[in-house]
Structures are given as C-alpha cells and as structure tokens.
Amino acid sequence: MKASIEISYYPLKEEYIAPIQGFIDRLNTYNNIKVLTNTMSTQVFGDYFEVMEILTKEIHKSFELPGSIFVIKIINANLNPASQ
C-alpha cells in the first residue's frame, strides 16, 4: 500500500532551523522514499510500512532534543505530484 505523509516539525528552542534541516537531511538519505520540502511542511511518499519505519526511527532521533513537536497527516494513497 502506498502512503503520502505530510509532516511539520516544531523544535521548541531559539535555534530551530538546524534540527529541522537535520531531520529533512536524514529523510533524504533513504532511496526508497520520495521527500518533497516546502516552506510549510515536508511531504514523504512511499510504501506505507517502509515510510512508517523510517519516520519512527528519525522522529525518535529528533525527540532527543527536548520539546520537539511533530504534526503528521497520513493518507493511504500516492499523492506524489511527480507521479501524477
């Protein structure tokens, strides 16, 4: 099953850009998912189980920083604009 996931990450600290960029950079190291980033969110596309395994791992790493908030929307469809 394909999944499309929209993620917004809010580190609650003054220096918030580096943790966000680090999270996005880590997602971009995986070849089996597609990652699109814009000014409001990051979108991830791929196989549901693969994407969820990756997000579980990478969100856990981000939670090492106290006060990390994630807002996530998931749909069980491929909404990747590149595949339309």
Protein backbone atom coordinates (compact mmCIF):
# COMPACT_ATOMS: atom_id res chain seq x y z
CA MET A 1 0.00 0.00 0.00
CA LYS A 2 1.30 3.44 -0.90
CA ALA A 3 1.18 6.30 1.59
CA SER A 4 1.55 10.06 1.45
CA ILE A 5 2.57 11.80 4.65
CA GLU A 6 2.77 15.50 5.46
CA ILE A 7 4.99 16.43 8.40
CA SER A 8 5.50 19.69 10.25
CA TYR A 9 8.27 19.73 12.86
CA TYR A 10 8.45 22.38 15.59
CA PRO A 11 11.51 22.26 17.85
CA LEU A 12 10.74 24.46 20.85
CA LYS A 13 14.04 26.30 21.06
CA GLU A 14 15.55 29.51 19.69
CA GLU A 15 17.83 27.65 17.30
CA TYR A 16 15.07 25.78 15.47
CA ILE A 17 16.37 25.72 11.88
CA ALA A 18 19.26 23.27 12.43
CA PRO A 19 17.09 20.50 13.96
CA ILE A 20 14.50 20.84 11.18
CA GLN A 21 17.15 20.76 8.47
CA GLY A 22 18.82 17.79 10.15
CA PHE A 23 15.54 15.86 10.14
CA ILE A 24 14.96 16.64 6.46
CA ASP A 25 18.55 15.76 5.55
CA ARG A 26 18.23 12.39 7.30
CA LEU A 27 15.00 11.64 5.42
CA ASN A 28 16.74 12.43 2.15
CA THR A 29 19.34 9.70 2.77
CA TYR A 30 16.74 6.97 2.13
CA ASN A 31 16.49 5.87 -1.51
CA ASN A 32 13.19 4.01 -1.10
CA ILE A 33 11.09 7.10 -0.27
CA LYS A 34 10.44 10.39 -2.03
CA VAL A 35 10.81 13.56 0.06
CA LEU A 36 9.46 16.97 -1.00
CA THR A 37 10.00 20.03 1.14
CA ASN A 38 8.35 23.43 1.02
CA THR A 39 8.18 26.40 3.38
CA MET A 40 5.34 24.91 5.45
CA SER A 41 5.95 21.17 5.62
CA THR A 42 7.79 18.11 4.40
CA GLN A 43 5.96 15.50 2.36
CA VAL A 44 7.05 11.87 2.23
CA PHE A 45 5.82 9.29 -0.30
CA GLY A 46 6.39 5.56 -0.48
CA ASP A 47 5.34 2.15 0.75
CA TYR A 48 3.36 2.55 3.98
CA PHE A 49 5.42 0.15 6.11
CA GLU A 50 8.76 1.44 4.81
CA VAL A 51 7.81 5.09 5.35
CA MET A 52 6.47 4.44 8.84
CA GLU A 53 9.61 2.51 9.83
CA ILE A 54 11.81 5.38 8.60
CA LEU A 55 9.68 8.03 10.33
CA THR A 56 9.66 6.09 13.59
CA LYS A 57 13.47 5.94 13.54
CA GLU A 58 14.03 9.57 12.52
CA ILE A 59 11.38 11.10 14.79
CA HIS A 60 12.90 9.16 17.68
CA LYS A 61 16.27 10.77 16.89
CA SER A 62 14.62 14.20 16.84
CA PHE A 63 12.99 13.52 20.21
CA GLU A 64 16.47 13.52 21.73
CA LEU A 65 16.02 17.30 21.60
CA PRO A 66 13.61 18.24 24.42
CA GLY A 67 10.41 19.98 23.31
CA SER A 68 10.12 18.51 19.82
CA ILE A 69 6.62 18.64 18.34
CA PHE A 70 5.53 16.82 15.17
CA VAL A 71 2.23 17.29 13.36
CA ILE A 72 1.62 14.47 10.87
CA LYS A 73 -1.11 13.74 8.33
CA ILE A 74 -1.22 10.34 6.60
CA ILE A 75 -3.29 9.18 3.63
CA ASN A 76 -3.31 5.70 2.13
CA ALA A 77 -2.79 6.90 -1.43
CA ASN A 78 0.06 8.07 -3.61
CA LEU A 79 -0.36 11.86 -3.87
CA ASN A 80 3.20 12.48 -5.09
CA PRO A 81 2.81 15.23 -7.71
CA ALA A 82 5.71 13.75 -9.72
CA SER A 83 3.74 10.54 -10.30
CA GLN A 84 0.53 12.24 -11.45
